[in-house]
PDB file of N, CA and C in Angstrom:
ATOM      1  N   GLY A   1     -30.176  45.170  27.672  1.00  0.00           N
ATOM      2  CA  GLY A   1     -30.401  46.328  28.197  1.00  0.00           C
ATOM      3  C   GLY A   1     -28.983  47.167  27.669  1.00  0.00           C
ATOM      4  N   GLY A   2     -28.812  48.610  27.057  1.00  0.00           N
ATOM      5  CA  GLY A   2     -27.489  49.017  27.153  1.00  0.00           C
ATOM      6  C   GLY A   2     -26.633  49.239  28.019  1.00  0.00           C
ATOM      7  N   ASP A   3     -27.556  49.620  29.088  1.00  0.00           N
ATOM      8  CA  ASP A   3     -26.631  49.859  30.583  1.00  0.00           C
ATOM      9  C   ASP A   3     -26.303  48.535  31.450  1.00  0.00           C
ATOM     10  N   GLU A   4     -26.070  47.267  30.889  1.00  0.00           N
ATOM     11  CA  GLU A   4     -25.620  46.142  31.448  1.00  0.00           C
ATOM     12  C   GLU A   4     -24.242  46.244  31.772  1.00  0.00           C
ATOM     13  N   ALA A   5     -24.039  45.483  32.961  1.00  0.00           N
ATOM     14  CA  ALA A   5     -22.907  45.807  33.298  1.00  0.00           C
ATOM     15  C   ALA A   5     -21.873  44.362  32.731  1.00  0.00           C
ATOM     16  N   ALA A   6     -20.881  44.869  31.954  1.00  0.00           N
ATOM     17  CA  ALA A   6     -20.010  44.159  31.179  1.00  0.00           C
ATOM     18  C   ALA A   6     -18.610  45.007  30.881  1.00  0.00           C
ATOM     19  N   TRP A   7     -17.371  43.996  30.993  1.00  0.00           N
ATOM     20  CA  TRP A   7     -15.881  44.408  30.900  1.00  0.00           C
ATOM     21  C   TRP A   7     -15.228  43.385  30.743  1.00  0.00           C
ATOM     22  N   LYS A   8     -14.152  43.274  29.784  1.00  0.00           N
ATOM     23  CA  LYS A   8     -13.039  42.313  29.376  1.00  0.00           C
ATOM     24  C   LYS A   8     -11.747  42.986  29.280  1.00  0.00           C
ATOM     25  N   ARG A   9     -11.013  42.559  29.774  1.00  0.00           N
ATOM     26  CA  ARG A   9      -9.510  42.929  29.264  1.00  0.00           C
ATOM     27  C   ARG A   9      -8.995  42.896  27.567  1.00  0.00           C
ATOM     28  N   ASP A  10      -8.456  44.143  27.589  1.00  0.00           N
ATOM     29  CA  ASP A  10      -8.228  44.391  25.709  1.00  0.00           C
ATOM     30  C   ASP A  10      -7.723  43.037  25.195  1.00  0.00           C
ATOM     31  N   SER A  11      -7.008  42.252  25.976  1.00  0.00           N
ATOM     32  CA  SER A  11      -6.521  40.996  25.476  1.00  0.00           C
ATOM     33  C   SER A  11      -7.369  39.634  25.193  1.00  0.00           C
ATOM     34  N   LEU A  12      -8.259  39.812  25.970  1.00  0.00           N
ATOM     35  CA  LEU A  12      -9.343  38.637  25.921  1.00  0.00           C
ATOM     36  C   LEU A  12     -10.101  38.663  24.464  1.00  0.00           C
ATOM     37  N   PRO A  13     -10.239  37.437  23.981  1.00  0.00           N
ATOM     38  CA  PRO A  13     -11.162  37.395  22.868  1.00  0.00           C
ATOM     39  C   PRO A  13     -12.650  38.101  23.071  1.00  0.00           C
ATOM     40  N   LYS A  14     -13.297  38.806  22.527  1.00  0.00           N
ATOM     41  CA  LYS A  14     -14.943  38.860  22.717  1.00  0.00           C
ATOM     42  C   LYS A  14     -15.467  37.819  22.717  1.00  0.00           C
ATOM     43  N   ALA A  15     -15.378  36.617  22.201  1.00  0.00           N
ATOM     44  CA  ALA A  15     -15.771  35.360  22.282  1.00  0.00           C
ATOM     45  C   ALA A  15     -16.241  34.845  23.896  1.00  0.00           C
ATOM     46  N   TRP A  16     -15.094  35.409  24.414  1.00  0.00           N
ATOM     47  CA  TRP A  16     -15.114  35.104  25.895  1.00  0.00           C
ATOM     48  C   TRP A  16     -16.174  35.674  26.706  1.00  0.00           C
ATOM     49  N   LEU A  17     -16.160  37.245  26.466  1.00  0.00           N
ATOM     50  CA  LEU A  17     -17.152  37.679  27.110  1.00  0.00           C
ATOM     51  C   LEU A  17     -18.594  37.403  26.335  1.00  0.00           C
ATOM     52  N   ARG A  18     -19.167  36.952  25.428  1.00  0.00           N
ATOM     53  CA  ARG A  18     -19.836  36.273  24.852  1.00  0.00           C
ATOM     54  C   ARG A  18     -20.546  35.305  25.436  1.00  0.00           C
ATOM     55  N   ASP A  19     -19.607  34.077  25.488  1.00  0.00           N
ATOM     56  CA  ASP A  19     -19.783  33.305  26.318  1.00  0.00           C
ATOM     57  C   ASP A  19     -20.049  33.315  27.651  1.00  0.00           C
ATOM     58  N   LEU A  20     -19.342  34.071  28.399  1.00  0.00           N
ATOM     59  CA  LEU A  20     -19.620  34.441  29.649  1.00  0.00           C
ATOM     60  C   LEU A  20     -20.998  34.841  30.119  1.00  0.00           C
ATOM     61  N   ARG A  21     -21.542  35.951  29.331  1.00  0.00           N
ATOM     62  CA  ARG A  21     -23.008  36.115  29.170  1.00  0.00           C
ATOM     63  C   ARG A  21     -23.956  35.166  29.149  1.00  0.00           C
ATOM     64  N   ARG A  22     -23.772  34.445  28.089  1.00  0.00           N
ATOM     65  CA  ARG A  22     -24.579  32.975  27.775  1.00  0.00           C
ATOM     66  C   ARG A  22     -24.743  32.320  28.744  1.00  0.00           C
ATOM     67  N   GLY A  23     -23.895  32.122  29.950  1.00  0.00           N
ATOM     68  CA  GLY A  23     -23.516  31.182  30.671  1.00  0.00           C
ATOM     69  C   GLY A  23     -22.887  29.833  30.563  1.00  0.00           C
ATOM     70  N   ARG A  24     -21.810  30.050  29.669  1.00  0.00           N
ATOM     71  CA  ARG A  24     -21.241  29.012  28.826  1.00  0.00           C
ATOM     72  C   ARG A  24     -20.288  28.688  29.972  1.00  0.00           C
ATOM     73  N   TRP A  25     -19.883  29.280  30.641  1.00  0.00           N
ATOM     74  CA  TRP A  25     -18.730  28.797  31.706  1.00  0.00           C
ATOM     75  C   TRP A  25     -19.695  28.446  33.244  1.00  0.00           C
ATOM     76  N   VAL A  26     -19.385  27.353  33.854  1.00  0.00           N
ATOM     77  CA  VAL A  26     -19.831  26.802  35.038  1.00  0.00           C
ATOM     78  C   VAL A  26     -19.212  27.747  36.488  1.00  0.00           C
ATOM     79  N   THR A  27     -20.438  28.539  37.116  1.00  0.00           N
ATOM     80  CA  THR A  27     -20.074  29.346  37.976  1.00  0.00           C
ATOM     81  C   THR A  27     -19.828  28.401  39.401  1.00  0.00           C
ATOM     82  N   GLN A  28     -18.558  28.263  39.879  1.00  0.00           N
ATOM     83  CA  GLN A  28     -17.945  27.650  40.654  1.00  0.00           C
ATOM     84  C   GLN A  28     -18.354  28.379  42.489  1.00  0.00           C
ATOM     85  N   ASP A  29     -18.526  29.171  42.803  1.00  0.00           N
ATOM     86  CA  ASP A  29     -18.658  29.645  43.555  1.00  0.00           C
ATOM     87  C   ASP A  29     -19.420  30.838  43.778  1.00  0.00           C
ATOM     88  N   LYS A  30     -19.836  31.614  44.966  1.00  0.00           N
ATOM     89  CA  LYS A  30     -20.615  33.041  45.096  1.00  0.00           C
ATOM     90  C   LYS A  30     -20.370  33.621  46.422  1.00  0.00           C
ATOM     91  N   LEU A  31     -20.414  34.874  46.274  1.00  0.00           N
ATOM     92  CA  LEU A  31     -20.281  35.620  47.293  1.00  0.00           C
ATOM     93  C   LEU A  31     -21.372  36.841  47.319  1.00  0.00           C
ATOM     94  N   ASP A  32     -22.358  36.581  48.411  1.00  0.00           N
ATOM     95  CA  ASP A  32     -23.127  37.512  48.822  1.00  0.00           C
ATOM     96  C   ASP A  32     -22.687  38.718  49.713  1.00  0.00           C
ATOM     97  N   LEU A  33     -22.982  40.026  49.210  1.00  0.00           N
ATOM     98  CA  LEU A  33     -22.874  40.940  49.728  1.00  0.00           C
ATOM     99  C   LEU A  33     -23.783  41.772  50.405  1.00  0.00           C
ATOM    100  N   HIS A  34     -25.052  41.276  50.656  1.00  0.00           N
ATOM    101  CA  HIS A  34     -25.946  41.623  51.357  1.00  0.00           C
ATOM    102  C   HIS A  34     -25.830  42.164  52.607  1.00  0.00           C
ATOM    103  N   GLY A  35     -26.066  43.571  53.186  1.00  0.00           N
ATOM    104  CA  GLY A  35     -26.229  43.621  54.777  1.00  0.00           C
ATOM    105  C   GLY A  35     -24.563  44.257  54.831  1.00  0.00           C
ATOM    106  N   MET A  36     -23.435  44.166  54.107  1.00  0.00           N
ATOM    107  CA  MET A  36     -22.428  44.916  53.681  1.00  0.00           C
ATOM    108  C   MET A  36     -22.447  46.307  53.680  1.00  0.00           C
ATOM    109  N   ASN A  37     -21.488  46.841  54.437  1.00  0.00           N
ATOM    110  CA  ASN A  37     -21.102  48.447  54.142  1.00  0.00           C
ATOM    111  C   ASN A  37     -20.213  48.495  53.185  1.00  0.00           C
ATOM    112  N   ARG A  38     -19.661  49.519  52.936  1.00  0.00           N
ATOM    113  CA  ARG A  38     -18.578  49.567  51.601  1.00  0.00           C
ATOM    114  C   ARG A  38     -17.610  49.077  51.800  1.00  0.00           C
ATOM    115  N   GLU A  39     -16.711  49.060  53.227  1.00  0.00           N
ATOM    116  CA  GLU A  39     -15.235  49.040  53.614  1.00  0.00           C
ATOM    117  C   GLU A  39     -15.694  47.128  53.577  1.00  0.00           C
ATOM    118  N   GLU A  40     -17.035  46.762  54.188  1.00  0.00           N
ATOM    119  CA  GLU A  40     -17.198  45.245  54.512  1.00  0.00           C
ATOM    120  C   GLU A  40     -16.985  44.564  53.291  1.00  0.00           C
ATOM    121  N   ALA A  41     -17.820  45.246  52.607  1.00  0.00           N
ATOM    122  CA  ALA A  41     -18.018  44.720  51.108  1.00  0.00           C
ATOM    123  C   ALA A  41     -16.566  44.771  50.058  1.00  0.00           C
ATOM    124  N   ARG A  42     -15.695  45.752  50.458  1.00  0.00           N
ATOM    125  CA  ARG A  42     -14.780  45.562  49.697  1.00  0.00           C
ATOM    126  C   ARG A  42     -13.854  44.718  50.278  1.00  0.00           C
ATOM    127  N   VAL A  43     -13.318  44.666  51.513  1.00  0.00           N
ATOM    128  CA  VAL A  43     -12.798  43.461  51.866  1.00  0.00           C
ATOM    129  C   VAL A  43     -13.249  41.991  51.754  1.00  0.00           C
ATOM    130  N   ALA A  44     -14.476  41.949  51.503  1.00  0.00           N
ATOM    131  CA  ALA A  44     -15.037  40.359  51.219  1.00  0.00           C
ATOM    132  C   ALA A  44     -14.432  40.243  49.809  1.00  0.00           C
ATOM    133  N   VAL A  45     -14.678  41.337  48.997  1.00  0.00           N
ATOM    134  CA  VAL A  45     -14.519  40.772  47.314  1.00  0.00           C
ATOM    135  C   VAL A  45     -13.123  40.497  47.361  1.00  0.00           C
ATOM    136  N   VAL A  46     -12.022  41.171  48.128  1.00  0.00           N
ATOM    137  CA  VAL A  46     -10.603  41.191  47.924  1.00  0.00           C
ATOM    138  C   VAL A  46     -10.494  39.153  48.422  1.00  0.00           C
ATOM    139  N   ASP A  47     -10.947  39.254  49.752  1.00  0.00           N
ATOM    140  CA  ASP A  47     -10.603  37.787  50.253  1.00  0.00           C
ATOM    141  C   ASP A  47     -11.382  37.024  49.590  1.00  0.00           C
ATOM    142  N   PHE A  48     -12.730  36.668  48.785  1.00  0.00           N
ATOM    143  CA  PHE A  48     -13.273  35.918  47.870  1.00  0.00           C
ATOM    144  C   PHE A  48     -12.656  35.815  46.920  1.00  0.00           C
ATOM    145  N   LEU A  49     -11.852  36.397  46.479  1.00  0.00           N
ATOM    146  CA  LEU A  49     -11.141  36.489  44.747  1.00  0.00           C
ATOM    147  C   LEU A  49      -9.742  35.824  45.215  1.00  0.00           C
ATOM    148  N   ALA A  50      -9.274  35.991  46.179  1.00  0.00           N
ATOM    149  CA  ALA A  50      -8.026  35.580  46.628  1.00  0.00           C
ATOM    150  C   ALA A  50      -8.175  33.819  46.931  1.00  0.00           C
ATOM    151  N   GLU A  51      -9.449  33.275  47.798  1.00  0.00           N
ATOM    152  CA  GLU A  51      -9.793  32.006  47.969  1.00  0.00           C
ATOM    153  C   GLU A  51     -10.188  31.724  47.018  1.00  0.00           C
ATOM    154  N   CYS A  52     -10.862  32.341  45.602  1.00  0.00           N
ATOM    155  CA  CYS A  52     -11.090  31.343  44.273  1.00  0.00           C
ATOM    156  C   CYS A  52      -9.843  31.458  43.765  1.00  0.00           C
ATOM    157  N   ARG A  53      -9.017  31.777  43.619  1.00  0.00           N
ATOM    158  CA  ARG A  53      -7.511  31.748  42.615  1.00  0.00           C
ATOM    159  C   ARG A  53      -7.120  30.361  43.539  1.00  0.00           C
ATOM    160  N   ASP A  54      -7.117  30.392  44.786  1.00  0.00           N
ATOM    161  CA  ASP A  54      -5.959  29.515  45.498  1.00  0.00           C
ATOM    162  C   ASP A  54      -6.792  28.121  45.242  1.00  0.00           C
ATOM    163  N   ARG A  55      -7.891  28.264  45.381  1.00  0.00           N
ATOM    164  CA  ARG A  55      -9.000  26.799  44.711  1.00  0.00           C
ATOM    165  C   ARG A  55      -9.221  26.590  43.409  1.00  0.00           C
ATOM    166  N   SER A  56      -8.410  27.379  42.109  1.00  0.00           N
ATOM    167  CA  SER A  56      -8.380  27.165  40.883  1.00  0.00           C
ATOM    168  C   SER A  56      -9.831  27.376  40.484  1.00  0.00           C
ATOM    169  N   HIS A  57     -10.839  28.500  41.083  1.00  0.00           N
ATOM    170  CA  HIS A  57     -12.222  28.482  40.596  1.00  0.00           C
ATOM    171  C   HIS A  57     -11.886  29.678  39.340  1.00  0.00           C
ATOM    172  N   ARG A  58     -12.610  29.575  38.178  1.00  0.00           N
ATOM    173  CA  ARG A  58     -12.214  30.148  37.157  1.00  0.00           C
ATOM    174  C   ARG A  58     -13.785  31.395  36.831  1.00  0.00           C
ATOM    175  N   CYS A  59     -14.764  30.385  37.238  1.00  0.00           N
ATOM    176  CA  CYS A  59     -15.634  31.457  37.059  1.00  0.00           C
ATOM    177  C   CYS A  59     -16.735  31.621  38.398  1.00  0.00           C
ATOM    178  N   VAL A  60     -16.948  32.779  39.110  1.00  0.00           N
ATOM    179  CA  VAL A  60     -17.464  32.938  40.327  1.00  0.00           C
ATOM    180  C   VAL A  60     -18.769  34.085  39.824  1.00  0.00           C
ATOM    181  N   ARG A  61     -19.768  34.043  41.278  1.00  0.00           N
ATOM    182  CA  ARG A  61     -20.558  35.058  40.870  1.00  0.00           C
ATOM    183  C   ARG A  61     -20.605  35.721  42.230  1.00  0.00           C
ATOM    184  N   ILE A  62     -20.881  37.369  42.131  1.00  0.00           N
ATOM    185  CA  ILE A  62     -20.877  38.209  43.081  1.00  0.00           C
ATOM    186  C   ILE A  62     -22.068  38.886  43.339  1.00  0.00           C
ATOM    187  N   VAL A  63     -22.708  38.692  44.475  1.00  0.00           N
ATOM    188  CA  VAL A  63     -23.920  39.411  44.450  1.00  0.00           C
ATOM    189  C   VAL A  63     -23.934  40.208  45.429  1.00  0.00           C
ATOM    190  N   HIS A  64     -24.199  41.688  44.426  1.00  0.00           N
ATOM    191  CA  HIS A  64     -24.123  42.824  45.131  1.00  0.00           C
ATOM    192  C   HIS A  64     -25.120  43.381  45.596  1.00  0.00           C
ATOM    193  N   GLY A  65     -26.565  42.947  44.900  1.00  0.00           N
ATOM    194  CA  GLY A  65     -28.070  43.495  45.175  1.00  0.00           C
ATOM    195  C   GLY A  65     -28.193  44.712  44.434  1.00  0.00           C
ATOM    196  N   LYS A  66     -29.303  45.071  44.215  1.00  0.00           N
ATOM    197  CA  LYS A  66     -30.180  46.260  43.509  1.00  0.00           C
ATOM    198  C   LYS A  66     -30.165  47.576  44.070  1.00  0.00           C
ATOM    199  N   GLY A  67     -29.963  47.680  45.160  1.00  0.00           N
ATOM    200  CA  GLY A  67     -29.953  48.869  45.949  1.00  0.00           C
ATOM    201  C   GLY A  67     -31.616  48.940  46.362  1.00  0.00           C
ATOM    202  N   LEU A  68     -32.243  48.246  46.458  1.00  0.00           N
ATOM    203  CA  LEU A  68     -33.535  48.585  46.508  1.00  0.00           C
ATOM    204  C   LEU A  68     -33.832  49.098  48.223  1.00  0.00           C
ATOM    205  N   SER A  69     -32.896  48.627  48.990  1.00  0.00           N
ATOM    206  CA  SER A  69     -32.631  48.959  50.511  1.00  0.00           C
ATOM    207  C   SER A  69     -31.967  50.175  50.590  1.00  0.00           C
ATOM    208  N   SER A  70     -31.502  50.423  49.664  1.00  0.00           N
ATOM    209  CA  SER A  70     -30.348  51.743  49.792  1.00  0.00           C
ATOM    210  C   SER A  70     -31.225  53.072  49.858  1.00  0.00           C
ATOM    211  N   PRO A  71     -30.447  54.109  50.686  1.00  0.00           N
ATOM    212  CA  PRO A  71     -30.751  55.444  49.975  1.00  0.00           C
ATOM    213  C   PRO A  71     -31.230  55.928  48.386  1.00  0.00           C
ATOM    214  N   GLY A  72     -32.521  56.440  48.062  1.00  0.00           N
ATOM    215  CA  GLY A  72     -32.783  56.851  46.773  1.00  0.00           C
ATOM    216  C   GLY A  72     -32.688  55.283  46.080  1.00  0.00           C
ATOM    217  N   ARG A  73     -32.764  54.407  46.593  1.00  0.00           N
ATOM    218  CA  ARG A  73     -32.931  52.938  45.865  1.00  0.00           C
ATOM    219  C   ARG A  73     -31.941  52.975  44.556  1.00  0.00           C
ATOM    220  N   GLU A  74     -30.731  53.130  45.116  1.00  0.00           N
ATOM    221  CA  GLU A  74     -29.577  53.467  44.156  1.00  0.00           C
ATOM    222  C   GLU A  74     -28.733  52.229  44.598  1.00  0.00           C
ATOM    223  N   PRO A  75     -28.280  51.684  43.470  1.00  0.00           N
ATOM    224  CA  PRO A  75     -27.370  50.237  43.522  1.00  0.00           C
ATOM    225  C   PRO A  75     -26.003  50.750  44.037  1.00  0.00           C
ATOM    226  N   VAL A  76     -25.600  51.233  45.448  1.00  0.00           N
ATOM    227  CA  VAL A  76     -24.457  51.718  45.684  1.00  0.00           C
ATOM    228  C   VAL A  76     -23.374  50.430  45.792  1.00  0.00           C
ATOM    229  N   LEU A  77     -23.335  49.431  46.135  1.00  0.00           N
ATOM    230  CA  LEU A  77     -22.374  48.422  45.923  1.00  0.00           C
ATOM    231  C   LEU A  77     -22.279  47.971  44.457  1.00  0.00           C
ATOM    232  N   LYS A  78     -22.916  47.930  43.802  1.00  0.00           N
ATOM    233  CA  LYS A  78     -23.139  47.663  42.418  1.00  0.00           C
ATOM    234  C   LYS A  78     -21.947  48.174  41.565  1.00  0.00           C
ATOM    235  N   LYS A  79     -21.831  49.561  41.793  1.00  0.00           N
ATOM    236  CA  LYS A  79     -21.047  50.601  41.072  1.00  0.00           C
ATOM    237  C   LYS A  79     -19.506  50.117  41.771  1.00  0.00           C
ATOM    238  N   LEU A  80     -19.560  50.250  42.890  1.00  0.00           N
ATOM    239  CA  LEU A  80     -18.202  50.221  43.574  1.00  0.00           C
ATOM    240  C   LEU A  80     -17.561  48.592  42.969  1.00  0.00           C
ATOM    241  N   VAL A  81     -18.637  47.505  43.227  1.00  0.00           N
ATOM    242  CA  VAL A  81     -18.020  46.482  42.931  1.00  0.00           C
ATOM    243  C   VAL A  81     -17.674  45.960  41.373  1.00  0.00           C
ATOM    244  N   LEU A  82     -18.341  46.806  40.566  1.00  0.00           N
ATOM    245  CA  LEU A  82     -17.606  46.991  39.144  1.00  0.00           C
ATOM    246  C   LEU A  82     -16.257  47.625  38.941  1.00  0.00           C
ATOM    247  N   GLY A  83     -16.335  48.618  39.656  1.00  0.00           N
ATOM    248  CA  GLY A  83     -14.983  49.228  39.642  1.00  0.00           C
ATOM    249  C   GLY A  83     -13.760  48.697  40.239  1.00  0.00           C
ATOM    250  N   TRP A  84     -13.915  47.904  41.523  1.00  0.00           N
ATOM    251  CA  TRP A  84     -13.095  47.035  42.164  1.00  0.00           C
ATOM    252  C   TRP A  84     -12.280  46.095  41.087  1.00  0.00           C
ATOM    253  N   LEU A  85     -13.532  45.356  40.764  1.00  0.00           N
ATOM    254  CA  LEU A  85     -13.024  44.306  39.735  1.00  0.00           C
ATOM    255  C   LEU A  85     -12.253  44.425  38.299  1.00  0.00           C
ATOM    256  N   SER A  86     -13.087  45.702  37.916  1.00  0.00           N
ATOM    257  CA  SER A  86     -12.046  46.114  36.836  1.00  0.00           C
ATOM    258  C   SER A  86     -10.211  46.378  37.165  1.00  0.00           C
ATOM    259  N   GLN A  87     -10.277  46.734  38.193  1.00  0.00           N
ATOM    260  CA  GLN A  87      -8.896  47.161  38.816  1.00  0.00           C
ATOM    261  C   GLN A  87      -8.024  45.778  39.166  1.00  0.00           C
ATOM    262  N   ARG A  88      -8.767  44.758  39.289  1.00  0.00           N
ATOM    263  CA  ARG A  88      -7.872  43.336  39.989  1.00  0.00           C
ATOM    264  C   ARG A  88      -7.393  42.826  38.652  1.00  0.00           C
ATOM    265  N   SER A  89      -5.950  42.478  38.865  1.00  0.00           N
ATOM    266  CA  SER A  89      -5.363  41.647  37.665  1.00  0.00           C
ATOM    267  C   SER A  89      -5.915  40.397  37.616  1.00  0.00           C
ATOM    268  N   GLU A  90      -6.426  39.606  38.803  1.00  0.00           N
ATOM    269  CA  GLU A  90      -6.845  38.447  38.680  1.00  0.00           C
ATOM    270  C   GLU A  90      -8.172  38.252  37.918  1.00  0.00           C
ATOM    271  N   VAL A  91      -8.553  39.390  37.499  1.00  0.00           N
ATOM    272  CA  VAL A  91     -10.205  39.420  36.643  1.00  0.00           C
ATOM    273  C   VAL A  91      -9.876  39.604  35.389  1.00  0.00           C
ATOM    274  N   LEU A  92     -10.413  38.904  34.825  1.00  0.00           N
ATOM    275  CA  LEU A  92     -10.140  38.761  33.161  1.00  0.00           C
ATOM    276  C   LEU A  92     -11.621  39.311  32.315  1.00  0.00           C
ATOM    277  N   ALA A  93     -12.582  39.200  32.962  1.00  0.00           N
ATOM    278  CA  ALA A  93     -13.824  39.737  32.295  1.00  0.00           C
ATOM    279  C   ALA A  93     -15.119  39.593  33.453  1.00  0.00           C
ATOM    280  N   PHE A  94     -16.121  40.320  33.129  1.00  0.00           N
ATOM    281  CA  PHE A  94     -17.089  40.486  33.973  1.00  0.00           C
ATOM    282  C   PHE A  94     -18.196  40.723  33.235  1.00  0.00           C
ATOM    283  N   CYS A  95     -19.506  40.175  33.692  1.00  0.00           N
ATOM    284  CA  CYS A  95     -20.985  40.623  33.060  1.00  0.00           C
ATOM    285  C   CYS A  95     -22.177  40.172  34.253  1.00  0.00           C
ATOM    286  N   GLN A  96     -23.124  41.046  33.677  1.00  0.00           N
ATOM    287  CA  GLN A  96     -24.106  40.996  34.546  1.00  0.00           C
ATOM    288  C   GLN A  96     -24.804  39.838  34.574  1.00  0.00           C
ATOM    289  N   ALA A  97     -25.250  39.212  35.598  1.00  0.00           N
ATOM    290  CA  ALA A  97     -25.777  37.980  35.964  1.00  0.00           C
ATOM    291  C   ALA A  97     -26.924  37.606  35.190  1.00  0.00           C
ATOM    292  N   ARG A  98     -27.480  36.166  34.209  1.00  0.00           N
ATOM    293  CA  ARG A  98     -28.856  36.012  33.701  1.00  0.00           C
ATOM    294  C   ARG A  98     -29.583  36.178  35.080  1.00  0.00           C
ATOM    295  N   ALA A  99     -30.785  36.118  34.302  1.00  0.00           N
ATOM    296  CA  ALA A  99     -32.092  36.319  35.577  1.00  0.00           C
ATOM    297  C   ALA A  99     -32.323  35.591  36.693  1.00  0.00           C
ATOM    298  N   ALA A 100     -32.041  34.397  36.032  1.00  0.00           N
ATOM    299  CA  ALA A 100     -31.984  33.231  36.865  1.00  0.00           C
ATOM    300  C   ALA A 100     -30.975  33.220  38.266  1.00  0.00           C
ATOM    301  N   GLU A 101     -29.678  33.740  37.871  1.00  0.00           N
ATOM    302  CA  GLU A 101     -28.520  34.080  38.418  1.00  0.00           C
ATOM    303  C   GLU A 101     -28.586  35.075  39.503  1.00  0.00           C
ATOM    304  N   GLY A 102     -29.717  36.087  39.649  1.00  0.00           N
ATOM    305  CA  GLY A 102     -29.569  37.455  40.231  1.00  0.00           C
ATOM    306  C   GLY A 102     -29.331  38.504  39.215  1.00  0.00           C
ATOM    307  N   GLY A 103     -29.789  38.458  37.898  1.00  0.00           N
ATOM    308  CA  GLY A 103     -29.892  39.527  36.944  1.00  0.00           C
ATOM    309  C   GLY A 103     -29.010  40.869  37.251  1.00  0.00           C
ATOM    310  N   ALA A 104     -29.753  42.251  37.593  1.00  0.00           N
ATOM    311  CA  ALA A 104     -29.222  43.132  37.801  1.00  0.00           C
ATOM    312  C   ALA A 104     -28.474  43.038  39.225  1.00  0.00           C
ATOM    313  N   GLY A 105     -28.546  42.377  39.897  1.00  0.00           N
ATOM    314  CA  GLY A 105     -28.284  42.291  41.141  1.00  0.00           C
ATOM    315  C   GLY A 105     -27.135  41.534  41.644  1.00  0.00           C
ATOM    316  N   ALA A 106     -26.197  41.176  40.333  1.00  0.00           N
ATOM    317  CA  ALA A 106     -25.388  40.057  40.661  1.00  0.00           C
ATOM    318  C   ALA A 106     -24.303  40.263  39.231  1.00  0.00           C
ATOM    319  N   VAL A 107     -23.042  39.757  39.322  1.00  0.00           N
ATOM    320  CA  VAL A 107     -22.087  39.858  38.327  1.00  0.00           C
ATOM    321  C   VAL A 107     -21.495  38.516  38.252  1.00  0.00           C
ATOM    322  N   ILE A 108     -21.163  38.235  37.267  1.00  0.00           N
ATOM    323  CA  ILE A 108     -20.517  36.797  36.958  1.00  0.00           C
ATOM    324  C   ILE A 108     -18.932  37.111  36.317  1.00  0.00           C
ATOM    325  N   VAL A 109     -17.891  36.680  37.255  1.00  0.00           N
ATOM    326  CA  VAL A 109     -16.370  37.020  37.176  1.00  0.00           C
ATOM    327  C   VAL A 109     -16.208  35.718  36.660  1.00  0.00           C
ATOM    328  N   LEU A 110     -15.003  36.117  35.399  1.00  0.00           N
ATOM    329  CA  LEU A 110     -13.803  35.356  35.055  1.00  0.00           C
ATOM    330  C   LEU A 110     -12.848  35.591  35.348  1.00  0.00           C
ATOM    331  N   LEU A 111     -12.016  34.549  36.118  1.00  0.00           N
ATOM    332  CA  LEU A 111     -10.762  34.850  36.695  1.00  0.00           C
ATOM    333  C   LEU A 111      -9.855  34.017  35.787  1.00  0.00           C
ATOM    334  N   ALA A 112      -8.467  34.664  36.077  1.00  0.00           N
ATOM    335  CA  ALA A 112      -7.219  34.148  35.320  1.00  0.00           C
ATOM    336  C   ALA A 112      -6.876  32.655  36.566  1.00  0.00           C
ATOM    337  N   THR A 113      -6.208  31.941  35.725  1.00  0.00           N
ATOM    338  CA  THR A 113      -5.741  30.849  36.357  1.00  0.00           C
ATOM    339  C   THR A 113      -4.235  31.384  37.082  1.00  0.00           C
ATOM    340  N   LYS A 114      -4.152  30.847  38.140  1.00  0.00           N
ATOM    341  CA  LYS A 114      -2.544  30.679  39.042  1.00  0.00           C
ATOM    342  C   LYS A 114      -1.530  30.808  38.196  1.00  0.00           C
ATOM    343  N   LYS A 115      -0.476  31.915  38.436  1.00  0.00           N
ATOM    344  CA  LYS A 115       0.767  31.463  37.569  1.00  0.00           C
ATOM    345  C   LYS A 115       1.807  30.424  38.450  1.00  0.00           C
TER     346      LYS A 115
END
């Protein structure tokens, strides 16, 4: 679909985002944000990304949910998570997860290596 979440740094080759979408990167860890409010989710994402960098993980999954329990059935956390990720220096790219990994309720994130 045309509204799938996808983003990459301008300096990153387009092929990397394509490979991320196709599942060519092995997902090494996951964070599930179900049941969290905005602030809890923000802190959890920041902490999770820091832990993943410390462990030298390159590809991770964040489950933000589809918003089915939210007022108006809108995915509030999804929009927030995508915004937070695009502002993080360690995030190189992200895309919507494949159906087997959560589809529109999750995002696959490619992280930079520690310097």
